[in-house]
Protein backbone atom coordinates (compact mmCIF):
# COMPACT_ATOMS: atom_id res chain seq x y z
CA UNK A 1 0.00 0.00 0.00
CA UNK A 2 1.14 3.54 -0.80
CA UNK A 3 1.69 6.34 1.73
CA UNK A 4 3.10 9.86 1.61
CA UNK A 5 4.91 11.92 4.24
CA UNK A 6 4.98 15.62 3.39
CA UNK A 7 7.51 17.88 5.14
CA UNK A 8 6.86 21.59 4.82
CA UNK A 9 7.25 24.96 6.52
CA UNK A 10 11.02 25.47 6.32
CA UNK A 11 13.49 26.43 3.53
CA UNK A 12 15.03 22.96 3.84
CA UNK A 13 11.83 21.31 2.57
CA UNK A 14 12.78 21.64 -1.09
CA UNK A 15 12.31 18.16 -2.46
CA UNK A 16 15.29 16.69 -0.63
CA UNK A 17 16.06 15.48 2.89
CA UNK A 18 19.33 15.22 4.84
CA UNK A 19 20.42 11.67 5.55
CA UNK A 20 20.57 12.26 9.31
CA UNK A 21 16.93 13.44 9.35
CA UNK A 22 15.95 10.52 7.14
CA UNK A 23 17.62 8.14 9.58
CA UNK A 24 15.73 9.69 12.52
CA UNK A 25 12.45 9.52 10.61
CA UNK A 26 13.00 5.87 9.69
CA UNK A 27 13.93 4.90 13.25
CA UNK A 28 10.87 6.47 14.87
CA UNK A 29 8.50 5.17 12.20
CA UNK A 30 9.81 1.67 12.95
CA UNK A 31 9.60 2.12 16.74
CA UNK A 32 6.00 3.37 16.62
CA UNK A 33 4.87 0.70 14.14
CA UNK A 34 6.45 -2.03 16.26
CA UNK A 35 4.93 -0.73 19.49
CA UNK A 36 1.48 -0.33 17.93
CA UNK A 37 1.58 -3.84 16.46
CA UNK A 38 2.63 -5.33 19.81
CA UNK A 39 -0.19 -3.47 21.58
CA UNK A 40 -2.67 -5.18 19.29
CA UNK A 41 -1.11 -8.61 19.38
CA UNK A 42 0.22 -8.85 22.92
CA UNK A 43 -1.56 -6.16 24.95
CA UNK A 44 1.62 -4.13 25.55
CA UNK A 45 4.15 -2.30 23.37
CA UNK A 46 6.95 -3.24 25.79
CA UNK A 47 7.25 -6.89 24.77
CA UNK A 48 10.63 -8.36 25.56
CA UNK A 49 12.81 -10.67 23.56
CA UNK A 50 14.19 -10.72 20.04
CA UNK A 51 11.81 -10.20 17.14
CA UNK A 52 11.23 -13.17 14.86
CA UNK A 53 12.16 -12.90 11.20
CA UNK A 54 8.44 -12.79 10.41
CA UNK A 55 7.77 -9.81 12.70
CA UNK A 56 10.84 -8.00 11.31
CA UNK A 57 9.61 -8.54 7.76
CA UNK A 58 6.06 -7.44 8.65
CA UNK A 59 7.34 -4.08 9.94
CA UNK A 60 9.28 -3.16 6.80
CA UNK A 61 8.50 0.24 5.28
CA UNK A 62 10.19 1.03 1.96
CA UNK A 63 11.06 4.44 0.55
CA UNK A 64 10.02 4.48 -3.09
CA UNK A 65 11.08 8.02 -3.91
CA UNK A 66 11.04 11.75 -3.20
CA UNK A 67 9.23 14.57 -4.95
CA UNK A 68 8.84 18.32 -4.62
CA UNK A 69 5.90 20.32 -3.34
CA UNK A 70 7.86 20.90 -0.17
CA UNK A 71 9.48 17.49 0.44
CA UNK A 72 7.28 14.45 -0.12
CA UNK A 73 8.49 10.96 0.74
CA UNK A 74 6.68 8.16 -1.07
CA UNK A 75 6.50 4.99 1.03
CA UNK A 76 5.04 1.54 0.65
CA UNK A 77 4.42 -1.41 2.97
CA UNK A 78 2.51 -4.66 2.87
CA UNK A 79 -0.74 -5.36 4.74
CA UNK A 80 -0.33 -7.77 7.64
CA UNK A 81 -2.50 -10.40 5.97
CA UNK A 82 0.48 -11.07 3.69
CA UNK A 83 3.16 -11.04 6.37
CA UNK A 84 1.61 -12.36 9.61
CA UNK A 85 -0.50 -15.26 8.41
CA UNK A 86 0.58 -17.74 11.09
CA UNK A 87 1.21 -15.46 14.08
CA UNK A 88 -1.09 -15.89 17.06
CA UNK A 89 -2.31 -12.78 18.82
CA UNK A 90 -4.17 -11.72 21.92
CA UNK A 91 -7.19 -14.01 22.13
CA UNK A 92 -9.15 -11.43 24.09
CA UNK A 93 -9.00 -8.64 21.51
CA UNK A 94 -10.77 -10.40 18.67
CA UNK A 95 -12.19 -7.20 17.14
CA UNK A 96 -8.69 -5.72 16.96
CA UNK A 97 -7.31 -8.90 15.39
CA UNK A 98 -10.18 -8.92 12.89
CA UNK A 99 -9.06 -5.52 11.59
CA UNK A 100 -5.33 -6.18 11.73
CA UNK A 101 -4.94 -8.18 8.46
CA UNK A 102 -6.02 -5.14 6.41
CA UNK A 103 -3.74 -2.76 8.30
CA UNK A 104 -0.09 -1.94 7.63
CA UNK A 105 2.84 -0.57 9.67
CA UNK A 106 2.08 2.93 8.35
CA UNK A 107 -1.65 2.72 9.10
CA UNK A 108 -0.85 1.69 12.69
CA UNK A 109 1.47 4.71 13.00
CA UNK A 110 -1.25 7.04 11.74
CA UNK A 111 -3.89 5.41 13.95
CA UNK A 112 -1.65 5.74 17.03
CA UNK A 113 -1.19 9.47 16.48
CA UNK A 114 -4.92 9.89 15.85
CA UNK A 115 -5.78 8.05 19.08
CA UNK A 116 -3.26 10.05 21.10
CA UNK A 117 -4.34 13.45 19.77
CA UNK A 118 -8.08 12.79 19.86
CA UNK A 119 -9.56 14.10 23.17
CA UNK A 120 -12.44 11.61 22.81
CA UNK A 121 -10.15 8.56 22.62
CA UNK A 122 -9.90 6.34 25.71
CA UNK A 123 -6.28 5.35 24.99
CA UNK A 124 -7.03 1.63 24.83
CA UNK A 125 -4.23 1.04 22.30
CA UNK A 126 -1.70 3.29 24.05
CA UNK A 127 0.70 2.65 26.89
CA UNK A 128 3.64 4.51 28.42
CA UNK A 129 6.32 3.12 26.12
CA UNK A 130 4.30 3.75 22.95
CA UNK A 131 3.55 7.30 24.08
CA UNK A 132 7.29 7.86 24.59
CA UNK A 133 7.95 6.57 21.07
CA UNK A 134 5.31 8.94 19.70
CA UNK A 135 6.93 11.83 21.56
CA UNK A 136 10.35 10.90 20.21
CA UNK A 137 9.03 11.70 16.74
CA UNK A 138 9.36 15.41 17.54
CA UNK A 139 13.14 15.11 17.02
CA UNK A 140 12.45 15.04 13.28
CA UNK A 141 11.01 18.58 13.44
CA UNK A 142 13.31 21.55 12.86
CA UNK A 143 11.25 24.35 14.43
CA UNK A 144 7.73 25.48 15.36
CA UNK A 145 6.93 26.34 11.73
CA UNK A 146 7.72 22.86 10.53
CA UNK A 147 4.76 20.59 9.68
CA UNK A 148 4.49 16.93 8.75
CA UNK A 149 1.52 15.34 7.01
CA UNK A 150 1.04 11.57 6.85
CA UNK A 151 -1.46 10.32 4.29
CA UNK A 152 -2.70 7.18 2.62
CA UNK A 153 -3.94 9.06 -0.44
CA UNK A 154 -7.48 9.35 0.87
CA UNK A 155 -8.20 5.85 2.20
CA UNK A 156 -7.93 7.03 5.82
CA UNK A 157 -7.87 10.50 7.44
CA UNK A 158 -4.59 12.38 7.09
CA UNK A 159 -2.49 13.06 10.17
CA UNK A 160 -0.93 16.55 10.40
CA UNK A 161 1.68 17.11 13.08
CA UNK A 162 3.37 20.19 14.53
CA UNK A 163 5.76 20.55 17.44
CA UNK A 164 3.00 21.87 19.70
CA UNK A 165 1.08 18.59 19.32
CA UNK A 166 3.71 16.72 21.29
CA UNK A 167 2.87 18.59 24.50
CA UNK A 168 -0.52 16.84 24.35
CA UNK A 169 1.27 13.48 24.23
CA UNK A 170 3.32 14.39 27.29
CA UNK A 171 0.13 15.34 29.15
CA UNK A 172 -1.37 11.93 28.38
CA UNK A 173 1.78 10.16 29.54
CA UNK A 174 1.72 12.12 32.79
CA UNK A 175 -1.85 10.94 33.51
CA UNK A 176 -0.92 7.25 33.34
CA UNK A 177 -1.08 5.79 36.85
CA UNK A 178 2.25 4.77 38.35
CA UNK A 179 3.05 1.05 38.47
CA UNK A 180 1.84 -0.63 41.64
CA UNK A 181 2.30 -3.94 43.43
CA UNK A 182 -0.66 -6.27 42.92
CA UNK A 183 -1.87 -9.69 43.96
CA UNK A 184 -4.45 -11.34 41.70
CA UNK A 185 -6.04 -14.78 41.74
CA UNK A 186 -7.41 -16.50 38.62
CA UNK A 187 -6.71 -19.02 35.86
CA UNK A 188 -3.43 -19.13 33.93
CA UNK A 189 -3.62 -19.65 30.17
CA UNK A 190 -0.76 -20.34 27.76
CA UNK A 191 -0.30 -18.21 24.67
CA UNK A 192 2.12 -20.00 22.40
CA UNK A 193 3.80 -17.05 20.67
CA UNK A 194 6.06 -16.41 23.68
CA UNK A 195 7.38 -18.61 26.47
CA UNK A 196 7.76 -15.53 28.67
CA UNK A 197 4.13 -14.38 28.35
CA UNK A 198 0.88 -15.76 29.73
CA UNK A 199 -2.70 -14.59 29.75
CA UNK A 200 -4.28 -14.46 33.20
CA UNK A 201 -8.05 -14.78 33.60
CA UNK A 202 -9.32 -13.51 36.97
CA UNK A 203 -12.70 -14.64 38.26
CA UNK A 204 -13.90 -11.03 37.96
CA UNK A 205 -12.79 -8.42 35.47
CA UNK A 206 -10.99 -8.57 32.16
CA UNK A 207 -8.22 -11.01 31.22
CA UNK A 208 -4.79 -9.41 31.20
CA UNK A 209 -1.25 -10.05 30.07
CA UNK A 210 1.49 -11.24 32.39
CA UNK A 211 5.22 -11.26 31.67
CA UNK A 212 7.49 -13.52 33.67
CA UNK A 213 10.01 -11.69 35.85
CA UNK A 214 13.59 -12.84 36.26
CA UNK A 215 12.69 -14.96 39.30
CA UNK A 216 9.89 -16.90 37.54
CA UNK A 217 11.11 -19.57 35.14
CA UNK A 218 8.84 -20.64 32.24
CA UNK A 219 9.01 -24.21 33.57
CA UNK A 220 7.64 -23.04 36.92
CA UNK A 221 4.75 -21.16 35.30
CA UNK A 222 4.03 -24.18 33.08
CA UNK A 223 2.94 -26.12 36.18
CA UNK A 224 0.01 -23.70 36.64
CA UNK A 225 -1.33 -23.48 33.09
CA UNK A 226 -5.06 -24.16 33.13
CA UNK A 227 -5.20 -24.02 36.93
CA UNK A 228 -6.27 -21.45 39.50
CA UNK A 229 -3.20 -19.57 40.69
CA UNK A 230 -2.31 -16.39 42.53
CA UNK A 231 0.27 -14.08 41.04
CA UNK A 232 2.17 -11.28 42.73
CA UNK A 233 3.96 -8.62 40.74
CA UNK A 234 3.98 -5.07 39.40
CA UNK A 235 1.02 -3.81 37.38
CA UNK A 236 1.52 -1.27 34.59
CA UNK A 237 -1.42 0.80 33.36
CA UNK A 238 -2.84 2.47 30.26
CA UNK A 239 -4.02 6.11 30.00
CA UNK A 240 -7.62 4.96 30.57
CA UNK A 241 -6.67 3.45 33.96
CA UNK A 242 -7.02 -0.14 32.76
CA UNK A 243 -4.16 -2.49 33.43
CA UNK A 244 -1.79 -3.01 30.49
CA UNK A 245 0.21 -5.91 31.90
CA UNK A 246 1.73 -7.36 35.05
CA UNK A 247 5.38 -8.18 35.52
CA UNK A 248 5.07 -11.41 37.51
CA UNK A 249 7.45 -11.79 40.44
CA UNK A 250 5.88 -14.83 42.12
CA UNK A 251 3.21 -17.42 41.38
CA UNK A 252 1.57 -20.01 43.63
CA UNK A 253 -1.45 -22.29 43.63
CA UNK A 254 -4.55 -20.32 44.66
CA UNK A 255 -6.16 -20.97 48.02
CA UNK A 256 -9.69 -20.24 49.24
CA UNK A 257 -8.50 -17.12 51.03
CA UNK A 258 -7.12 -15.75 47.73
CA UNK A 259 -10.65 -15.32 46.34
CA UNK A 260 -10.63 -11.74 47.63
CA UNK A 261 -7.94 -10.98 45.05
CA UNK A 262 -9.89 -12.32 42.07
CA UNK A 263 -10.64 -8.97 40.40
CA UNK A 264 -8.47 -7.26 37.80
CA UNK A 265 -6.97 -4.10 39.36
CA UNK A 266 -7.78 -0.74 37.80
CA UNK A 267 -6.54 2.78 38.44
CA UNK A 268 -9.26 4.76 36.70
CA UNK A 269 -10.37 8.23 37.65
CA UNK A 270 -14.01 8.48 38.62
CA UNK A 271 -14.71 10.17 35.29
CA UNK A 272 -13.08 7.30 33.40
CA UNK A 273 -15.16 4.73 35.30
CA UNK A 274 -18.35 6.63 34.60
CA UNK A 275 -17.52 6.94 30.91
CA UNK A 276 -16.75 3.23 30.75
CA UNK A 277 -20.08 2.44 32.40
CA UNK A 278 -21.83 4.51 29.74
CA UNK A 279 -19.94 2.79 26.90
CA UNK A 280 -20.86 -0.60 28.33
CA UNK A 281 -24.51 0.44 28.48
CA UNK A 282 -24.69 0.47 32.26
CA UNK A 283 -26.48 3.16 34.23
CA UNK A 284 -28.79 6.03 33.35
CA UNK A 285 -26.94 8.24 30.91
CA UNK A 286 -28.22 11.58 32.18
CA UNK A 287 -27.46 10.73 35.82
CA UNK A 288 -23.96 9.45 35.11
CA UNK A 289 -23.03 12.30 32.79
CA UNK A 290 -23.76 14.84 35.54
CA UNK A 291 -21.16 13.10 37.71
CA UNK A 292 -18.30 13.17 35.20
CA UNK A 293 -17.20 16.77 35.78
CA UNK A 294 -17.74 16.60 39.52
CA UNK A 295 -15.30 13.71 39.95
CA UNK A 296 -12.99 14.39 36.99
CA UNK A 297 -9.77 14.55 39.05
CA UNK A 298 -10.54 11.85 41.62
CA UNK A 299 -8.88 8.45 41.33
CA UNK A 300 -10.83 5.41 42.51
CA UNK A 301 -10.13 1.75 42.79
CA UNK A 302 -12.43 -0.85 41.26
CA UNK A 303 -14.89 -0.62 44.17
CA UNK A 304 -16.51 2.45 42.62
CA UNK A 305 -18.08 0.10 40.08
CA UNK A 306 -20.28 -1.42 42.75
CA UNK A 307 -21.33 2.05 43.90
CA UNK A 308 -22.32 3.00 40.37
CA UNK A 309 -24.47 -0.11 40.19
CA UNK A 310 -26.93 1.69 42.46
CA UNK A 311 -27.59 4.24 39.73
CA UNK A 312 -28.94 1.55 37.44
CA UNK A 313 -31.82 0.71 39.74
């Protein structure tokens, strides 16, 4: 598929580009595409380990040429249906995986910027590392007058970037809850694309991704696959307060007393919980909407969900 990147606003945008700027541009395009793909396949952009040859090939973006009209780079890349035919993804994001075959590295880059700069987006496909990669893109810009336009020749909305847009990305990053120690009880599932990654299904709440810490060997985790277990580790969160993944420090067979820890932790603000309730069709819209502004800056744990249940009655 064909894409264009138009650089304009400075005297240097004359149909050519310095090699050092081209190198920066290529590096950050690759970083963002890789992070966005991993968010969709694995639930986090911070996946560890060496990329397979198939993933490396799927992320290739080729420069086909340059033209004037400022400086326009003509790029091409293959849709993932041609490059990731046998790769298994996150079983609990089926709608995302349904769309992925028709997407490309460049479309994921554009979609990531659109999600980050859209005030109405809930940041589901963003995490701290991906936001840092998006912010790193500002190094390509020369000054405040410089603009960059990413386009797919009309098949999806263009993305136009200026230096001032990156302050919005920093604001989003700053709202992400800090990592916290957690203890969660549920069922361990194996996902075969990585020996260091498991999917954990708590009795209550959404399934989430777990990565094995240095003190948890894959052979040890293998003993708990398909069983009820309790994990202890560090939870990392998304901008919407939902948990992105847990770095697992310890795992043990679940006991009856561990049932209290069977809910997926969240670090949503009250406003985020209310908005989620509305999106899930829970609660009276008019009543909940009046509460959004009142609690916009308050951070609540999952227990607020039970309190909101009263508004449905």
